[in-house]
Amino acid sequence: MDRELITTMVSNTVGGDLARSAAAHDQPSAHPSPAPAPLRGSVLVLIQFDVCEEIRLDDLRKIFGARTAEASFKHQAPGYVRYQRPPVEESLDPLVLDSGERLDGEIKYYDYGVVSLVFELPFTGDWDTLIQLSSRWTSDTNFEKLASRVVKQKLELAAAALVKPYDENAWLQEDYFIFHVREIKLSETRLGDIKPGEIKPGDIRLDQTNAPPSANDLLAAHGDQIAQIVRGEMSMLSEGERQEILQSRISYYPNDLAVIGWNAAFIYDTQAGAETAIQLLQYANSQLLEFRHYDELLTKELENVYDFLDAGGTGLWSRWRTARAAAKLHTVLLDVNELTERADNAIKFLSDMFSARLYKLCAAKVGVPDYKDLVKEKLQTAEDLYRFMVEQFNQSRAFVLELMVVVILIIELVYFFRGKPI
């Protein structure tokens, strides 16, 4: 195929080009480096906070007059494949950084108490530019401070819509970075630089110069750079690390690609096509935030129960106090079960298999299954402790009742032998 392409190109080349090509074979010369491949797209900074137990979205719409967010899918999906309780979206004023960079912003409110902010910075440049942006932004903590300030201002106005708000100093926070590339032009190589049977990595096919590169071509040509972007590294990674990163990829069409990492993602797609991955990454990170909250809540409650039991809660008379402690633990169990079910079922993929697979990949990479398993284990431990405490209380109550019966019998016997029956 390569030789056919070269023959075709040679037959369409004027005599002067043939002469220059022949001269190049007579005189050895170094191959010129391909020109930097231009990229166009956006960097999205996703920052989320767990601010309360629940947000009343209907009340929030009245306060802000905000719009309802609908789930976006890659291809035509049934109407019932949507958020069960769609989050509320509101545009933010542009954010100007100290470097002069101007970011457009949007805030999204989920009913289970998570507030999500997305800041977007358009960029145009080469792969080195994007690698530098990734390295700088993934290690920058200023976004958290700026985002926290914005959220506090918004929640002061929305206080009436918040159910059991948390202390600001105790807010849990997650951040994530999405490097969305809309346009990629692979570097072209001159005819004289190609030897028969050889097409160098990074060269666009000569018969498809106007077509966008496929996902496979992009990975073959720039897999190293994509891995660096996802990891936020300036230096080239090892082959093993590169393979580990790139195996977490997914495509729906030949000309789109999503590589998902634990802290950042690389997306090559149109603006409309990338919305699927962006929304699902938001949702996955919000779930991670909720399960982190439930994990901390259960850890504190279990510590309190252990402290109670260590302080003598298993003594005969102290067991009467276990009823109150068990009731409190049971209330926490019911609350966590309800909240986890709400967060876990906020969106459904009954017929959209690609979105379901994409979400599963996103959730796995950011760590949702790990925290979900931790919460399930602690819920099981709490249930076992609850049954133990109830059993201890019932044993104590049965002992006291039996003791009362014995005392009554003794009193009756005393009166009987004294000739004064009761």
Protein backbone atom coordinates (compact mmCIF):
# COMPACT_ATOMS: atom_id res chain seq x y z
CA MET A 1 0.00 0.00 0.00
CA ASP A 2 2.81 2.38 0.88
CA ARG A 3 4.57 1.77 -2.43
CA GLU A 4 1.34 2.31 -4.35
CA LEU A 5 0.82 5.62 -2.56
CA ILE A 6 4.36 6.73 -3.37
CA THR A 7 4.03 5.68 -7.00
CA THR A 8 0.79 7.62 -7.28
CA MET A 9 2.35 10.72 -5.76
CA VAL A 10 5.42 10.45 -8.01
CA SER A 11 3.30 10.17 -11.14
CA ASN A 12 1.55 13.43 -10.20
CA THR A 13 4.75 15.31 -9.41
CA VAL A 14 6.41 17.70 -11.85
CA GLY A 15 9.88 17.02 -13.23
CA GLY A 16 11.56 19.46 -10.87
CA ASP A 17 10.29 17.53 -7.86
CA LEU A 18 11.65 14.32 -9.36
CA ALA A 19 15.04 15.92 -9.79
CA ARG A 20 15.08 17.16 -6.20
CA SER A 21 14.04 13.70 -5.01
CA ALA A 22 16.89 12.07 -6.96
CA ALA A 23 19.37 14.58 -5.57
CA ALA A 24 18.22 13.74 -2.09
CA HIS A 25 19.20 10.09 -2.63
CA ASP A 26 22.67 11.08 -3.90
CA GLN A 27 23.39 13.40 -0.94
CA PRO A 28 22.54 12.14 2.57
CA SER A 29 20.58 14.65 4.63
CA ALA A 30 18.88 14.57 7.98
CA HIS A 31 15.10 14.14 7.95
CA PRO A 32 13.41 17.38 8.97
CA SER A 33 11.26 17.16 12.07
CA PRO A 34 7.52 17.19 11.40
CA ALA A 35 5.83 20.47 12.19
CA PRO A 36 3.99 20.60 15.52
CA ALA A 37 0.48 19.18 15.19
CA PRO A 38 -2.08 21.92 15.89
CA LEU A 39 -4.74 21.15 18.51
CA ARG A 40 -7.93 23.02 19.29
CA GLY A 41 -10.08 22.36 22.29
CA SER A 42 -10.72 23.20 25.93
CA VAL A 43 -9.44 22.38 29.38
CA LEU A 44 -12.24 21.77 31.87
CA VAL A 45 -11.65 22.01 35.61
CA LEU A 46 -14.27 20.11 37.59
CA ILE A 47 -14.51 20.90 41.33
CA GLN A 48 -17.23 19.48 43.57
CA PHE A 49 -18.28 19.99 47.20
CA ASP A 50 -20.54 17.96 49.47
CA VAL A 51 -22.40 20.78 51.26
CA CYS A 52 -25.56 19.29 52.78
CA GLU A 53 -27.69 16.19 53.10
CA GLU A 54 -30.17 17.26 50.43
CA ILE A 55 -30.90 20.18 48.12
CA ARG A 56 -34.54 20.93 47.33
CA LEU A 57 -34.21 21.51 43.61
CA ASP A 58 -37.71 22.94 43.16
CA ASP A 59 -37.00 25.61 45.78
CA LEU A 60 -33.62 26.28 44.19
CA ARG A 61 -35.18 26.93 40.79
CA LYS A 62 -37.44 29.54 42.35
CA ILE A 63 -34.50 31.24 44.04
CA PHE A 64 -32.10 31.32 41.08
CA GLY A 65 -34.42 30.87 38.12
CA ALA A 66 -31.90 28.29 36.94
CA ARG A 67 -32.41 25.72 34.22
CA THR A 68 -32.71 21.95 34.58
CA ALA A 69 -29.87 19.84 33.22
CA GLU A 70 -30.77 16.92 30.99
CA ALA A 71 -28.46 13.99 30.38
CA SER A 72 -26.70 14.08 27.02
CA PHE A 73 -26.03 10.85 25.15
CA LYS A 74 -23.74 9.94 22.30
CA HIS A 75 -26.46 8.61 20.09
CA GLN A 76 -30.22 8.66 20.02
CA ALA A 77 -31.42 7.25 23.32
CA PRO A 78 -34.91 6.49 24.66
CA GLY A 79 -36.63 9.22 26.63
CA TYR A 80 -36.51 7.26 29.86
CA VAL A 81 -32.71 7.09 29.86
CA ARG A 82 -32.32 10.28 31.86
CA TYR A 83 -31.57 11.64 35.31
CA GLN A 84 -34.28 10.56 37.74
CA ARG A 85 -34.04 13.96 39.41
CA PRO A 86 -32.18 16.22 36.96
CA PRO A 87 -29.67 18.60 38.57
CA VAL A 88 -30.10 22.36 38.31
CA GLU A 89 -27.58 24.37 36.27
CA GLU A 90 -26.63 28.03 36.44
CA SER A 91 -24.05 30.02 34.51
CA LEU A 92 -21.31 31.82 36.43
CA ASP A 93 -19.46 35.03 35.76
CA PRO A 94 -16.12 34.48 33.97
CA LEU A 95 -13.21 33.74 36.30
CA VAL A 96 -9.94 35.61 35.66
CA LEU A 97 -6.78 34.01 37.07
CA ASP A 98 -3.65 35.83 38.18
CA SER A 99 -2.02 34.67 34.93
CA GLY A 100 -4.66 36.58 32.96
CA GLU A 101 -6.40 33.41 31.76
CA ARG A 102 -10.15 33.83 31.49
CA LEU A 103 -12.37 30.86 32.31
CA ASP A 104 -16.09 30.49 31.65
CA GLY A 105 -17.94 28.81 34.50
CA GLU A 106 -21.05 26.82 35.27
CA ILE A 107 -22.45 25.49 38.54
CA LYS A 108 -24.62 22.41 38.94
CA TYR A 109 -26.67 21.38 41.99
CA TYR A 110 -27.48 17.70 42.65
CA ASP A 111 -30.41 16.77 44.87
CA TYR A 112 -28.22 14.60 47.14
CA GLY A 113 -26.28 17.64 48.39
CA VAL A 114 -23.39 17.95 45.95
CA VAL A 115 -22.49 21.22 44.21
CA SER A 116 -20.40 20.89 41.05
CA LEU A 117 -18.49 23.68 39.32
CA VAL A 118 -16.97 23.48 35.85
CA PHE A 119 -14.52 26.08 34.54
CA GLU A 120 -13.50 25.99 30.89
CA LEU A 121 -10.42 27.46 29.20
CA PRO A 122 -10.21 27.27 25.39
CA PHE A 123 -6.75 26.52 23.99
CA THR A 124 -4.94 26.27 20.67
CA GLY A 125 -1.45 24.87 20.41
CA ASP A 126 0.64 21.77 19.97
CA TRP A 127 1.04 18.66 22.11
CA ASP A 128 3.77 20.23 24.22
CA THR A 129 1.42 23.09 25.08
CA LEU A 130 -1.26 20.68 26.24
CA ILE A 131 1.22 18.65 28.28
CA GLN A 132 2.41 21.81 30.02
CA LEU A 133 -1.20 22.84 30.76
CA SER A 134 -1.91 19.40 32.21
CA SER A 135 1.18 19.42 34.43
CA ARG A 136 0.49 22.94 35.72
CA TRP A 137 -3.24 22.69 36.26
CA THR A 138 -3.43 19.27 37.87
CA SER A 139 -1.04 20.44 40.60
CA ASP A 140 -2.61 23.88 41.10
CA THR A 141 -4.62 24.30 44.34
CA ASN A 142 -5.85 27.84 43.64
CA PHE A 143 -8.91 26.47 41.87
CA GLU A 144 -10.17 24.95 45.11
CA LYS A 145 -10.00 28.28 46.95
CA LEU A 146 -11.67 30.18 44.13
CA ALA A 147 -14.38 27.54 43.72
CA SER A 148 -15.03 27.39 47.47
CA ARG A 149 -15.52 31.15 47.54
CA VAL A 150 -18.04 30.96 44.68
CA VAL A 151 -19.99 28.13 46.31
CA LYS A 152 -20.21 29.94 49.66
CA GLN A 153 -21.61 33.03 47.95
CA LYS A 154 -24.20 30.98 46.09
CA LEU A 155 -25.28 28.96 49.11
CA GLU A 156 -25.85 32.09 51.17
CA LEU A 157 -28.62 32.93 48.73
CA ALA A 158 -29.87 29.34 48.53
CA ALA A 159 -29.95 28.62 52.29
CA ALA A 160 -33.71 27.99 52.23
CA ALA A 161 -33.25 25.10 49.76
CA LEU A 162 -30.60 23.26 51.82
CA VAL A 163 -31.50 20.38 54.15
CA LYS A 164 -29.11 19.83 57.09
CA PRO A 165 -26.22 21.90 55.72
CA TYR A 166 -22.73 20.86 56.82
CA ASP A 167 -20.12 23.05 58.43
CA GLU A 168 -18.10 24.84 55.73
CA ASN A 169 -14.86 23.68 57.32
CA ALA A 170 -16.03 20.06 57.04
CA TRP A 171 -16.97 20.12 53.35
CA LEU A 172 -15.54 17.23 51.38
CA GLN A 173 -14.10 18.20 48.01
CA GLU A 174 -13.11 16.46 44.77
CA ASP A 175 -11.43 17.90 41.68
CA TYR A 176 -10.99 16.47 38.20
CA PHE A 177 -9.52 17.72 34.92
CA ILE A 178 -10.81 17.05 31.42
CA PHE A 179 -8.66 17.83 28.39
CA HIS A 180 -11.09 17.99 25.50
CA VAL A 181 -9.58 18.19 22.01
CA ARG A 182 -12.03 18.97 19.22
CA GLU A 183 -9.65 19.26 16.29
CA ILE A 184 -6.38 17.46 15.61
CA LYS A 185 -4.25 17.69 12.49
CA LEU A 186 -1.53 15.08 12.31
CA SER A 187 1.78 16.26 10.88
CA GLU A 188 2.40 15.71 7.17
CA THR A 189 5.67 14.40 5.73
CA ARG A 190 7.18 15.43 2.43
CA LEU A 191 7.49 12.89 -0.35
CA GLY A 192 11.26 12.85 -0.20
CA ASP A 193 11.19 11.86 3.46
CA ILE A 194 9.31 8.62 2.81
CA LYS A 195 11.13 5.46 1.86
CA PRO A 196 9.35 2.61 0.10
CA GLY A 197 7.37 0.48 2.57
CA GLU A 198 7.64 3.07 5.34
CA ILE A 199 5.11 5.50 6.80
CA LYS A 200 6.39 7.08 9.96
CA PRO A 201 4.28 7.33 13.14
CA GLY A 202 2.61 10.70 13.33
CA ASP A 203 2.20 11.06 9.54
CA ILE A 204 -1.28 11.50 8.21
CA ARG A 205 -2.20 9.14 5.40
CA LEU A 206 -1.42 10.80 2.08
CA ASP A 207 -4.76 9.80 0.56
CA GLN A 208 -6.78 11.17 3.48
CA THR A 209 -5.22 14.53 4.24
CA ASN A 210 -8.60 16.21 4.78
CA ALA A 211 -10.06 13.49 7.02
CA PRO A 212 -9.79 13.69 10.84
CA PRO A 213 -7.47 11.08 12.35
CA SER A 214 -9.04 7.94 13.72
CA ALA A 215 -8.65 6.89 17.34
CA ASN A 216 -6.23 4.15 16.32
CA ASP A 217 -4.09 6.56 14.27
CA LEU A 218 -4.10 9.04 17.14
CA LEU A 219 -2.99 6.44 19.69
CA ALA A 220 -0.27 5.15 17.37
CA ALA A 221 1.07 8.62 16.69
CA HIS A 222 0.61 10.36 20.05
CA GLY A 223 -0.07 7.68 22.65
CA ASP A 224 2.93 8.81 24.70
CA GLN A 225 1.69 12.40 24.86
CA ILE A 226 -1.87 11.34 25.74
CA ALA A 227 -0.55 9.24 28.62
CA GLN A 228 1.46 12.22 29.90
CA ILE A 229 -1.60 14.48 29.71
CA VAL A 230 -3.77 12.05 31.67
CA ARG A 231 -1.09 11.69 34.36
CA GLY A 232 -0.08 15.37 34.40
CA GLU A 233 3.57 14.48 33.80
CA MET A 234 6.12 16.55 31.88
CA SER A 235 8.46 13.58 31.36
CA MET A 236 7.75 10.62 29.12
CA LEU A 237 6.37 7.62 31.00
CA SER A 238 7.57 4.03 30.92
CA GLU A 239 6.03 1.60 28.45
CA GLY A 240 4.27 -0.27 31.24
CA GLU A 241 2.71 2.89 32.67
CA ARG A 242 1.75 4.05 29.19
CA GLN A 243 -0.06 0.78 28.49
CA GLU A 244 -1.81 0.88 31.86
CA ILE A 245 -3.17 4.37 31.12
CA LEU A 246 -4.18 3.74 27.52
CA GLN A 247 -6.04 0.53 28.29
CA SER A 248 -8.66 2.67 30.06
CA ARG A 249 -9.97 3.98 26.75
CA ILE A 250 -13.29 3.78 24.97
CA SER A 251 -14.67 4.87 21.58
CA TYR A 252 -18.11 4.87 20.01
CA TYR A 253 -17.20 6.05 16.51
CA PRO A 254 -13.86 5.47 14.72
CA ASN A 255 -13.00 9.18 15.05
CA ASP A 256 -13.57 9.69 18.78
CA LEU A 257 -11.61 8.65 21.85
CA ALA A 258 -11.85 8.95 25.61
CA VAL A 259 -8.95 7.96 27.88
CA ILE A 260 -10.04 8.03 31.52
CA GLY A 261 -7.64 8.43 34.45
CA TRP A 262 -8.16 8.72 38.19
CA ASN A 263 -7.52 12.48 38.24
CA ALA A 264 -7.83 13.56 34.59
CA ALA A 265 -9.22 12.45 31.25
CA PHE A 266 -8.34 13.03 27.61
CA ILE A 267 -11.28 13.32 25.22
CA TYR A 268 -11.04 13.60 21.44
CA ASP A 269 -14.50 14.35 20.08
CA THR A 270 -16.83 17.07 18.86
CA GLN A 271 -18.38 19.49 21.32
CA ALA A 272 -21.72 17.67 21.27
CA GLY A 273 -20.13 14.21 21.34
CA ALA A 274 -17.93 14.97 24.34
CA GLU A 275 -20.93 15.96 26.49
CA THR A 276 -21.63 12.31 27.26
CA ALA A 277 -18.24 11.71 28.85
CA ILE A 278 -18.18 15.10 30.59
CA GLN A 279 -21.58 14.60 32.24
CA LEU A 280 -20.80 11.04 33.28
CA LEU A 281 -17.45 12.10 34.75
CA GLN A 282 -19.30 14.76 36.75
CA TYR A 283 -21.80 12.21 37.98
CA ALA A 284 -19.11 9.64 38.86
CA ASN A 285 -17.12 12.20 40.85
CA SER A 286 -20.26 13.33 42.69
CA GLN A 287 -20.94 9.72 43.63
CA LEU A 288 -17.36 9.36 44.86
CA LEU A 289 -17.89 12.43 47.02
CA GLU A 290 -21.10 11.02 48.52
CA PHE A 291 -19.60 7.62 49.31
CA ARG A 292 -16.61 9.35 50.90
CA HIS A 293 -19.06 11.24 53.12
CA TYR A 294 -20.93 8.06 54.09
CA ASP A 295 -17.63 6.32 54.80
CA GLU A 296 -16.55 9.09 57.19
CA LEU A 297 -20.00 9.20 58.82
CA LEU A 298 -20.05 5.46 59.45
CA THR A 299 -16.46 5.51 60.72
CA LYS A 300 -17.37 8.13 63.36
CA GLU A 301 -20.52 6.28 64.42
CA LEU A 302 -18.68 2.98 64.74
CA GLU A 303 -15.96 4.65 66.82
CA ASN A 304 -18.64 6.05 69.14
CA VAL A 305 -20.19 2.60 69.53
CA TYR A 306 -16.82 0.99 70.26
CA ASP A 307 -16.07 3.69 72.84
CA PHE A 308 -19.46 3.08 74.47
CA LEU A 309 -18.86 -0.65 74.67
CA ASP A 310 -15.29 -0.19 75.98
CA ALA A 311 -16.60 2.17 78.68
CA GLY A 312 -18.72 -0.59 80.20
CA GLY A 313 -21.68 -0.69 77.91
CA THR A 314 -21.83 -4.48 78.25
CA GLY A 315 -22.23 -4.49 82.04
CA LEU A 316 -25.42 -5.85 83.55
CA TRP A 317 -26.98 -2.52 84.46
CA SER A 318 -25.20 -0.58 81.75
CA ARG A 319 -26.98 -2.69 79.16
CA TRP A 320 -30.13 -0.64 79.76
CA ARG A 321 -28.32 2.27 78.13
CA THR A 322 -27.56 0.23 75.02
CA ALA A 323 -31.14 0.66 73.86
CA ARG A 324 -30.59 4.38 73.26
CA ALA A 325 -27.21 3.80 71.59
CA ALA A 326 -28.66 1.04 69.41
CA ALA A 327 -31.58 3.24 68.37
CA LYS A 328 -29.17 6.01 67.34
CA LEU A 329 -27.05 3.57 65.34
CA HIS A 330 -30.14 2.16 63.64
CA THR A 331 -31.24 5.66 62.63
CA VAL A 332 -27.85 6.28 61.03
CA LEU A 333 -28.10 2.96 59.18
CA LEU A 334 -31.48 3.85 57.74
CA ASP A 335 -30.31 7.33 56.71
CA VAL A 336 -27.18 6.04 54.99
CA ASN A 337 -29.11 3.31 53.17
CA GLU A 338 -31.62 5.84 51.90
CA LEU A 339 -28.99 8.36 50.82
CA THR A 340 -26.76 5.81 49.12
CA GLU A 341 -29.72 4.45 47.19
CA ARG A 342 -30.63 7.97 46.07
CA ALA A 343 -27.10 8.76 44.90
CA ASP A 344 -26.63 5.34 43.31
CA ASN A 345 -29.84 5.50 41.29
CA ALA A 346 -29.75 9.14 40.21
CA ILE A 347 -29.27 8.14 36.57
CA LYS A 348 -30.29 5.06 34.63
CA PHE A 349 -28.93 3.41 31.48
CA LEU A 350 -31.67 0.90 30.74
CA SER A 351 -31.07 0.80 26.98
CA ASP A 352 -27.96 2.91 26.40
CA MET A 353 -25.22 0.31 26.64
CA PHE A 354 -22.39 2.61 25.52
CA SER A 355 -23.20 5.20 28.19
CA ALA A 356 -23.46 2.41 30.75
CA ARG A 357 -20.01 1.07 29.79
CA LEU A 358 -18.57 4.59 29.76
CA TYR A 359 -19.98 5.32 33.21
CA LYS A 360 -18.65 2.02 34.53
CA LEU A 361 -15.18 2.93 33.25
CA CYS A 362 -15.36 6.45 34.72
CA ALA A 363 -16.59 5.19 38.10
CA ALA A 364 -13.92 2.50 38.27
CA LYS A 365 -11.08 4.90 37.49
CA VAL A 366 -12.09 7.60 40.00
CA GLY A 367 -12.63 5.00 42.75
CA VAL A 368 -16.41 4.80 43.23
CA PRO A 369 -16.53 0.96 43.57
CA ASP A 370 -13.76 1.01 46.20
CA TYR A 371 -15.55 3.49 48.45
CA LYS A 372 -18.88 1.81 47.77
CA ASP A 373 -17.44 -1.49 49.01
CA LEU A 374 -16.06 0.25 52.10
CA VAL A 375 -19.49 1.71 52.87
CA LYS A 376 -21.15 -1.68 52.40
CA GLU A 377 -18.64 -3.34 54.74
CA LYS A 378 -19.17 -0.70 57.41
CA LEU A 379 -22.94 -0.92 57.01
CA GLN A 380 -22.69 -4.67 57.59
CA THR A 381 -20.48 -4.11 60.64
CA ALA A 382 -22.93 -1.53 61.99
CA GLU A 383 -25.85 -3.92 61.48
CA ASP A 384 -23.99 -6.67 63.34
CA LEU A 385 -23.24 -4.27 66.19
CA TYR A 386 -26.86 -3.15 66.26
CA ARG A 387 -28.10 -6.74 66.57
CA PHE A 388 -25.50 -7.42 69.29
CA MET A 389 -26.56 -4.36 71.29
CA VAL A 390 -30.25 -5.21 70.97
CA GLU A 391 -29.53 -8.76 72.05
CA GLN A 392 -27.58 -7.50 75.06
CA PHE A 393 -30.45 -5.20 76.02
CA ASN A 394 -33.01 -8.01 75.64
CA GLN A 395 -30.90 -10.32 77.80
CA SER A 396 -30.59 -7.63 80.45
CA ARG A 397 -34.34 -6.95 80.35
CA ALA A 398 -35.15 -10.67 80.60
CA PHE A 399 -32.79 -11.04 83.57
CA VAL A 400 -34.44 -8.13 85.40
CA LEU A 401 -37.90 -9.51 84.73
CA GLU A 402 -36.87 -12.94 86.01
CA LEU A 403 -35.30 -11.31 89.07
CA MET A 404 -38.52 -9.43 89.79
CA VAL A 405 -40.50 -12.67 89.56
CA VAL A 406 -38.11 -14.36 92.00
CA VAL A 407 -38.36 -11.44 94.43
CA ILE A 408 -42.15 -11.56 94.29
CA LEU A 409 -42.12 -15.31 94.97
CA ILE A 410 -39.77 -14.84 97.92
CA ILE A 411 -42.02 -12.17 99.40
CA GLU A 412 -45.05 -14.43 98.99
CA LEU A 413 -43.23 -17.33 100.66
CA VAL A 414 -42.13 -15.16 103.59
CA TYR A 415 -45.69 -14.02 104.20
CA PHE A 416 -46.99 -17.57 103.79
CA PHE A 417 -44.67 -19.08 106.41
CA ARG A 418 -45.47 -16.23 108.80
CA GLY A 419 -49.09 -17.10 108.49
CA LYS A 420 -49.92 -13.86 106.79
CA PRO A 421 -50.64 -14.74 103.18
CA ILE A 422 -50.83 -11.80 100.85
